[in-house]
Amino acid sequence: MTNDSDGSAELAARPPRADARRNKEALLDAAAAVFVASGVEAPMRDIAAKAGVGTATIYRHFPTRADLIIGVYRHQVQACVQAGPALLASSPTPHAALEEWIDLFVDFLVTKHGLAAALQSDDAAFQALHAYFLDRLVPACTQLLEAAADAGEIRPDVQAYELMRGVGNLCIGAGNDPRYDPGRLVRLLIAGLRRPC
């Protein structure tokens, strides 16, 4: 005789199906784009339409708007983390990998600033996100900086946290002024890390 609770636990332990994972990732990418364009209060139907799914699919994965916002944030952090080693493996130099990674980080920050009002709220669900961000992205940036320094491409005294903080400061207000291109200034900053010949 089988125990129903054992069967439930087995079902819960199974990884999601491939199509369910794809739907969830499409939702997170679509939500990030809609949040940047329209803010975190954008209608769920807009996110569903962009992702090519029904609104019921959103609520199946993310029962509340806060769950979706947190999901977008974590998804983008994880994408930045995974990009680091991939860029080091595929780029012609560690400095080129660092430049590409910083471009991804800027894209993430522009989205994050689009979520700023929600992320700075008193909602307890959002309070752990800053630590999540630092715990994952500082080591990813450190790996890129160390590889570029070991290759003799950049000065060795640059700390990941200070670089990320500087890039973040350059991205503040990016969406409010069409004359301001934070990416250009960030590229100048990264170029300035190079060792003098």
C-alpha atoms as a PDB file:
ATOM      1  CA  MET A   1       0.000   0.000   0.000  1.00  0.00           C
ATOM      2  CA  THR A   2       1.402   3.397  -0.949  1.00  0.00           C
ATOM      3  CA  ASN A   3       1.386   6.432   1.243  1.00  0.00           C
ATOM      4  CA  ASP A   4      -0.255   9.429  -0.486  1.00  0.00           C
ATOM      5  CA  SER A   5       1.968  11.867   1.381  1.00  0.00           C
ATOM      6  CA  ASP A   6       5.057  10.060   0.029  1.00  0.00           C
ATOM      7  CA  GLY A   7       3.719  10.486  -3.504  1.00  0.00           C
ATOM      8  CA  SER A   8       3.104  14.186  -2.925  1.00  0.00           C
ATOM      9  CA  ALA A   9       6.636  14.642  -1.612  1.00  0.00           C
ATOM     10  CA  GLU A  10       8.034  12.833  -4.652  1.00  0.00           C
ATOM     11  CA  LEU A  11       6.051  15.089  -7.006  1.00  0.00           C
ATOM     12  CA  ALA A  12       7.225  18.201  -5.152  1.00  0.00           C
ATOM     13  CA  ALA A  13      10.854  17.048  -5.372  1.00  0.00           C
ATOM     14  CA  ARG A  14      10.770  16.593  -9.152  1.00  0.00           C
ATOM     15  CA  PRO A  15      12.353  19.385 -11.174  1.00  0.00           C
ATOM     16  CA  PRO A  16       9.926  21.412 -13.299  1.00  0.00           C
ATOM     17  CA  ARG A  17       9.330  20.207 -16.856  1.00  0.00           C
ATOM     18  CA  ALA A  18      11.420  21.851 -19.587  1.00  0.00           C
ATOM     19  CA  ASP A  19       8.423  23.715 -21.015  1.00  0.00           C
ATOM     20  CA  ALA A  20       7.483  24.989 -17.549  1.00  0.00           C
ATOM     21  CA  ARG A  21      11.054  26.273 -17.053  1.00  0.00           C
ATOM     22  CA  ARG A  22      10.965  27.958 -20.465  1.00  0.00           C
ATOM     23  CA  ASN A  23       7.601  29.569 -19.665  1.00  0.00           C
ATOM     24  CA  LYS A  24       8.944  30.858 -16.373  1.00  0.00           C
ATOM     25  CA  GLU A  25      12.088  32.284 -17.981  1.00  0.00           C
ATOM     26  CA  ALA A  26      10.035  33.901 -20.771  1.00  0.00           C
ATOM     27  CA  LEU A  27       7.793  35.420 -18.113  1.00  0.00           C
ATOM     28  CA  LEU A  28      10.739  36.819 -16.171  1.00  0.00           C
ATOM     29  CA  ASP A  29      12.328  38.310 -19.304  1.00  0.00           C
ATOM     30  CA  ALA A  30       8.994  39.783 -20.404  1.00  0.00           C
ATOM     31  CA  ALA A  31       8.273  41.178 -16.931  1.00  0.00           C
ATOM     32  CA  ALA A  32      11.709  42.823 -16.790  1.00  0.00           C
ATOM     33  CA  ALA A  33      11.113  44.546 -20.140  1.00  0.00           C
ATOM     34  CA  VAL A  34       7.585  45.654 -19.198  1.00  0.00           C
ATOM     35  CA  PHE A  35       8.726  46.910 -15.787  1.00  0.00           C
ATOM     36  CA  VAL A  36      11.382  49.071 -17.446  1.00  0.00           C
ATOM     37  CA  ALA A  37       8.922  50.439 -19.996  1.00  0.00           C
ATOM     38  CA  SER A  38       5.829  50.837 -17.816  1.00  0.00           C
ATOM     39  CA  GLY A  39       6.815  50.392 -14.171  1.00  0.00           C
ATOM     40  CA  VAL A  40       6.170  47.585 -11.715  1.00  0.00           C
ATOM     41  CA  GLU A  41       2.439  48.346 -11.605  1.00  0.00           C
ATOM     42  CA  ALA A  42       2.036  47.454 -15.292  1.00  0.00           C
ATOM     43  CA  PRO A  43      -0.972  45.196 -15.955  1.00  0.00           C
ATOM     44  CA  MET A  44      -0.240  41.495 -15.752  1.00  0.00           C
ATOM     45  CA  ARG A  45      -1.973  41.055 -19.127  1.00  0.00           C
ATOM     46  CA  ASP A  46       0.802  43.173 -20.722  1.00  0.00           C
ATOM     47  CA  ILE A  47       3.458  40.889 -19.265  1.00  0.00           C
ATOM     48  CA  ALA A  48       1.525  37.791 -20.319  1.00  0.00           C
ATOM     49  CA  ALA A  49       1.121  39.125 -23.875  1.00  0.00           C
ATOM     50  CA  LYS A  50       4.840  39.925 -24.152  1.00  0.00           C
ATOM     51  CA  ALA A  51       5.727  36.444 -22.876  1.00  0.00           C
ATOM     52  CA  GLY A  52       3.166  34.741 -25.123  1.00  0.00           C
ATOM     53  CA  VAL A  53       1.328  33.054 -22.238  1.00  0.00           C
ATOM     54  CA  GLY A  54      -1.962  33.518 -20.413  1.00  0.00           C
ATOM     55  CA  THR A  55      -2.262  35.498 -17.188  1.00  0.00           C
ATOM     56  CA  ALA A  56      -3.111  32.266 -15.349  1.00  0.00           C
ATOM     57  CA  THR A  57       0.423  31.064 -16.157  1.00  0.00           C
ATOM     58  CA  ILE A  58       1.867  34.143 -14.431  1.00  0.00           C
ATOM     59  CA  TYR A  59      -0.146  33.514 -11.279  1.00  0.00           C
ATOM     60  CA  ARG A  60       0.756  29.823 -11.306  1.00  0.00           C
ATOM     61  CA  HIS A  61       4.452  30.738 -11.122  1.00  0.00           C
ATOM     62  CA  PHE A  62       4.137  34.021  -9.181  1.00  0.00           C
ATOM     63  CA  PRO A  63       1.034  34.226  -6.957  1.00  0.00           C
ATOM     64  CA  THR A  64       1.633  37.916  -6.099  1.00  0.00           C
ATOM     65  CA  ARG A  65       3.165  40.938  -7.812  1.00  0.00           C
ATOM     66  CA  ALA A  66       5.874  40.980  -5.120  1.00  0.00           C
ATOM     67  CA  ASP A  67       6.759  37.378  -6.035  1.00  0.00           C
ATOM     68  CA  LEU A  68       7.126  38.416  -9.680  1.00  0.00           C
ATOM     69  CA  ILE A  69       9.305  41.442  -8.855  1.00  0.00           C
ATOM     70  CA  ILE A  70      11.571  39.289  -6.691  1.00  0.00           C
ATOM     71  CA  GLY A  71      11.653  36.650  -9.416  1.00  0.00           C
ATOM     72  CA  VAL A  72      12.739  39.222 -12.028  1.00  0.00           C
ATOM     73  CA  TYR A  73      15.461  40.561  -9.754  1.00  0.00           C
ATOM     74  CA  ARG A  74      16.846  37.119  -8.907  1.00  0.00           C
ATOM     75  CA  HIS A  75      16.658  35.967 -12.540  1.00  0.00           C
ATOM     76  CA  GLN A  76      18.680  38.947 -13.717  1.00  0.00           C
ATOM     77  CA  VAL A  77      21.252  38.564 -10.957  1.00  0.00           C
ATOM     78  CA  GLN A  78      21.662  34.893 -11.864  1.00  0.00           C
ATOM     79  CA  ALA A  79      22.057  35.741 -15.568  1.00  0.00           C
ATOM     80  CA  CYS A  80      24.887  38.160 -14.687  1.00  0.00           C
ATOM     81  CA  VAL A  81      26.557  35.557 -12.483  1.00  0.00           C
ATOM     82  CA  GLN A  82      26.423  32.870 -15.182  1.00  0.00           C
ATOM     83  CA  ALA A  83      27.681  35.268 -17.850  1.00  0.00           C
ATOM     84  CA  GLY A  84      31.039  35.841 -16.131  1.00  0.00           C
ATOM     85  CA  PRO A  85      32.659  32.421 -16.708  1.00  0.00           C
ATOM     86  CA  ALA A  86      31.055  32.119 -20.150  1.00  0.00           C
ATOM     87  CA  LEU A  87      32.508  35.470 -21.226  1.00  0.00           C
ATOM     88  CA  LEU A  88      35.947  34.595 -19.872  1.00  0.00           C
ATOM     89  CA  ALA A  89      35.871  31.392 -21.915  1.00  0.00           C
ATOM     90  CA  SER A  90      34.662  33.002 -25.155  1.00  0.00           C
ATOM     91  CA  SER A  91      36.204  36.494 -25.198  1.00  0.00           C
ATOM     92  CA  PRO A  92      39.572  37.237 -26.820  1.00  0.00           C
ATOM     93  CA  THR A  93      40.955  38.728 -23.580  1.00  0.00           C
ATOM     94  CA  PRO A  94      39.902  38.952 -19.931  1.00  0.00           C
ATOM     95  CA  HIS A  95      39.528  42.735 -20.350  1.00  0.00           C
ATOM     96  CA  ALA A  96      37.102  42.189 -23.241  1.00  0.00           C
ATOM     97  CA  ALA A  97      35.149  39.756 -21.021  1.00  0.00           C
ATOM     98  CA  LEU A  98      35.075  42.373 -18.255  1.00  0.00           C
ATOM     99  CA  GLU A  99      33.780  45.024 -20.675  1.00  0.00           C
ATOM    100  CA  GLU A 100      31.005  42.743 -21.911  1.00  0.00           C
ATOM    101  CA  TRP A 101      30.067  41.725 -18.380  1.00  0.00           C
ATOM    102  CA  ILE A 102      29.897  45.352 -17.273  1.00  0.00           C
ATOM    103  CA  ASP A 103      27.548  46.047 -20.227  1.00  0.00           C
ATOM    104  CA  LEU A 104      25.257  43.281 -18.924  1.00  0.00           C
ATOM    105  CA  PHE A 105      25.538  44.702 -15.422  1.00  0.00           C
ATOM    106  CA  VAL A 106      24.520  48.149 -16.708  1.00  0.00           C
ATOM    107  CA  ASP A 107      21.466  46.617 -18.400  1.00  0.00           C
ATOM    108  CA  PHE A 108      20.604  44.936 -15.117  1.00  0.00           C
ATOM    109  CA  LEU A 109      21.032  48.174 -13.154  1.00  0.00           C
ATOM    110  CA  VAL A 110      18.791  50.110 -15.523  1.00  0.00           C
ATOM    111  CA  THR A 111      16.112  47.479 -14.915  1.00  0.00           C
ATOM    112  CA  LYS A 112      16.823  47.513 -11.178  1.00  0.00           C
ATOM    113  CA  HIS A 113      16.402  51.267 -11.063  1.00  0.00           C
ATOM    114  CA  GLY A 114      13.111  50.716 -12.879  1.00  0.00           C
ATOM    115  CA  LEU A 115      12.157  48.530  -9.905  1.00  0.00           C
ATOM    116  CA  ALA A 116      13.590  50.945  -7.353  1.00  0.00           C
ATOM    117  CA  ALA A 117      10.313  52.103  -5.837  1.00  0.00           C
ATOM    118  CA  ALA A 118       9.238  48.546  -5.095  1.00  0.00           C
ATOM    119  CA  LEU A 119      12.657  47.416  -3.927  1.00  0.00           C
ATOM    120  CA  GLN A 120      12.946  50.329  -1.487  1.00  0.00           C
ATOM    121  CA  SER A 121       9.528  49.715   0.023  1.00  0.00           C
ATOM    122  CA  ASP A 122       9.024  48.441   3.554  1.00  0.00           C
ATOM    123  CA  ASP A 123       7.771  45.101   2.226  1.00  0.00           C
ATOM    124  CA  ALA A 124       9.711  42.405   4.106  1.00  0.00           C
ATOM    125  CA  ALA A 125       9.793  40.299   0.942  1.00  0.00           C
ATOM    126  CA  PHE A 126      12.236  42.764  -0.632  1.00  0.00           C
ATOM    127  CA  GLN A 127      14.613  43.240   2.298  1.00  0.00           C
ATOM    128  CA  ALA A 128      16.899  40.288   1.539  1.00  0.00           C
ATOM    129  CA  LEU A 129      17.417  41.238  -2.116  1.00  0.00           C
ATOM    130  CA  HIS A 130      20.332  43.613  -1.597  1.00  0.00           C
ATOM    131  CA  ALA A 131      22.322  40.922   0.225  1.00  0.00           C
ATOM    132  CA  TYR A 132      21.381  38.433  -2.520  1.00  0.00           C
ATOM    133  CA  PHE A 133      22.707  40.915  -5.092  1.00  0.00           C
ATOM    134  CA  LEU A 134      26.044  41.472  -3.302  1.00  0.00           C
ATOM    135  CA  ASP A 135      26.601  37.833  -2.338  1.00  0.00           C
ATOM    136  CA  ARG A 136      26.381  36.719  -5.955  1.00  0.00           C
ATOM    137  CA  LEU A 137      27.600  39.609  -8.088  1.00  0.00           C
ATOM    138  CA  VAL A 138      30.666  40.732  -6.131  1.00  0.00           C
ATOM    139  CA  PRO A 139      32.368  37.300  -6.557  1.00  0.00           C
ATOM    140  CA  ALA A 140      31.422  37.252 -10.267  1.00  0.00           C
ATOM    141  CA  CYS A 141      32.959  40.695 -10.818  1.00  0.00           C
ATOM    142  CA  THR A 142      36.000  39.757  -8.703  1.00  0.00           C
ATOM    143  CA  GLN A 143      36.696  36.749 -10.931  1.00  0.00           C
ATOM    144  CA  LEU A 144      36.702  38.977 -14.036  1.00  0.00           C
ATOM    145  CA  LEU A 145      38.868  41.651 -12.419  1.00  0.00           C
ATOM    146  CA  GLU A 146      41.395  39.092 -11.182  1.00  0.00           C
ATOM    147  CA  ALA A 147      41.623  37.459 -14.619  1.00  0.00           C
ATOM    148  CA  ALA A 148      42.238  40.855 -16.280  1.00  0.00           C
ATOM    149  CA  ALA A 149      44.787  41.835 -13.609  1.00  0.00           C
ATOM    150  CA  ASP A 150      46.584  38.464 -13.881  1.00  0.00           C
ATOM    151  CA  ALA A 151      46.817  39.015 -17.653  1.00  0.00           C
ATOM    152  CA  GLY A 152      48.446  42.401 -16.986  1.00  0.00           C
ATOM    153  CA  GLU A 153      45.581  44.252 -18.687  1.00  0.00           C
ATOM    154  CA  ILE A 154      44.318  46.293 -15.737  1.00  0.00           C
ATOM    155  CA  ARG A 155      45.714  47.668 -12.525  1.00  0.00           C
ATOM    156  CA  PRO A 156      45.568  45.088  -9.737  1.00  0.00           C
ATOM    157  CA  ASP A 157      44.157  47.301  -6.986  1.00  0.00           C
ATOM    158  CA  VAL A 158      40.547  47.595  -8.233  1.00  0.00           C
ATOM    159  CA  GLN A 159      37.991  46.045  -5.892  1.00  0.00           C
ATOM    160  CA  ALA A 160      34.780  44.577  -7.321  1.00  0.00           C
ATOM    161  CA  TYR A 161      32.524  46.293  -4.798  1.00  0.00           C
ATOM    162  CA  GLU A 162      33.917  49.767  -5.492  1.00  0.00           C
ATOM    163  CA  LEU A 163      33.747  49.257  -9.258  1.00  0.00           C
ATOM    164  CA  MET A 164      30.163  48.011  -9.080  1.00  0.00           C
ATOM    165  CA  ARG A 165      29.223  50.894  -6.804  1.00  0.00           C
ATOM    166  CA  GLY A 166      30.770  53.387  -9.241  1.00  0.00           C
ATOM    167  CA  VAL A 167      28.967  51.830 -12.201  1.00  0.00           C
ATOM    168  CA  GLY A 168      25.735  51.885 -10.209  1.00  0.00           C
ATOM    169  CA  ASN A 169      26.143  55.567  -9.435  1.00  0.00           C
ATOM    170  CA  LEU A 170      26.673  56.323 -13.131  1.00  0.00           C
ATOM    171  CA  CYS A 171      23.409  54.506 -13.936  1.00  0.00           C
ATOM    172  CA  ILE A 172      21.230  56.523 -11.551  1.00  0.00           C
ATOM    173  CA  GLY A 173      18.664  58.537 -13.458  1.00  0.00           C
ATOM    174  CA  ALA A 174      19.458  56.838 -16.772  1.00  0.00           C
ATOM    175  CA  GLY A 175      15.796  56.562 -17.713  1.00  0.00           C
ATOM    176  CA  ASN A 176      14.920  60.171 -16.851  1.00  0.00           C
ATOM    177  CA  ASP A 177      17.131  62.044 -19.304  1.00  0.00           C
ATOM    178  CA  PRO A 178      17.357  61.005 -22.971  1.00  0.00           C
ATOM    179  CA  ARG A 179      20.548  63.095 -23.313  1.00  0.00           C
ATOM    180  CA  TYR A 180      22.338  60.958 -20.736  1.00  0.00           C
ATOM    181  CA  ASP A 181      23.980  57.698 -21.798  1.00  0.00           C
ATOM    182  CA  PRO A 182      25.391  55.910 -18.758  1.00  0.00           C
ATOM    183  CA  GLY A 183      26.837  53.183 -20.981  1.00  0.00           C
ATOM    184  CA  ARG A 184      29.234  55.675 -22.588  1.00  0.00           C
ATOM    185  CA  LEU A 185      30.537  56.877 -19.221  1.00  0.00           C
ATOM    186  CA  VAL A 186      30.822  53.332 -17.916  1.00  0.00           C
ATOM    187  CA  ARG A 187      32.903  52.377 -20.970  1.00  0.00           C
ATOM    188  CA  LEU A 188      35.217  55.318 -20.213  1.00  0.00           C
ATOM    189  CA  LEU A 189      35.486  54.095 -16.621  1.00  0.00           C
ATOM    190  CA  ILE A 190      36.388  50.557 -17.708  1.00  0.00           C
ATOM    191  CA  ALA A 191      38.919  51.889 -20.234  1.00  0.00           C
ATOM    192  CA  GLY A 192      40.495  53.852 -17.361  1.00  0.00           C
ATOM    193  CA  LEU A 193      41.241  50.607 -15.510  1.00  0.00           C
ATOM    194  CA  ARG A 194      43.841  49.662 -18.093  1.00  0.00           C
ATOM    195  CA  ARG A 195      47.462  49.585 -16.954  1.00  0.00           C
ATOM    196  CA  PRO A 196      49.600  52.376 -18.361  1.00  0.00           C
ATOM    197  CA  CYS A 197      51.937  51.065 -21.063  1.00  0.00           C
END
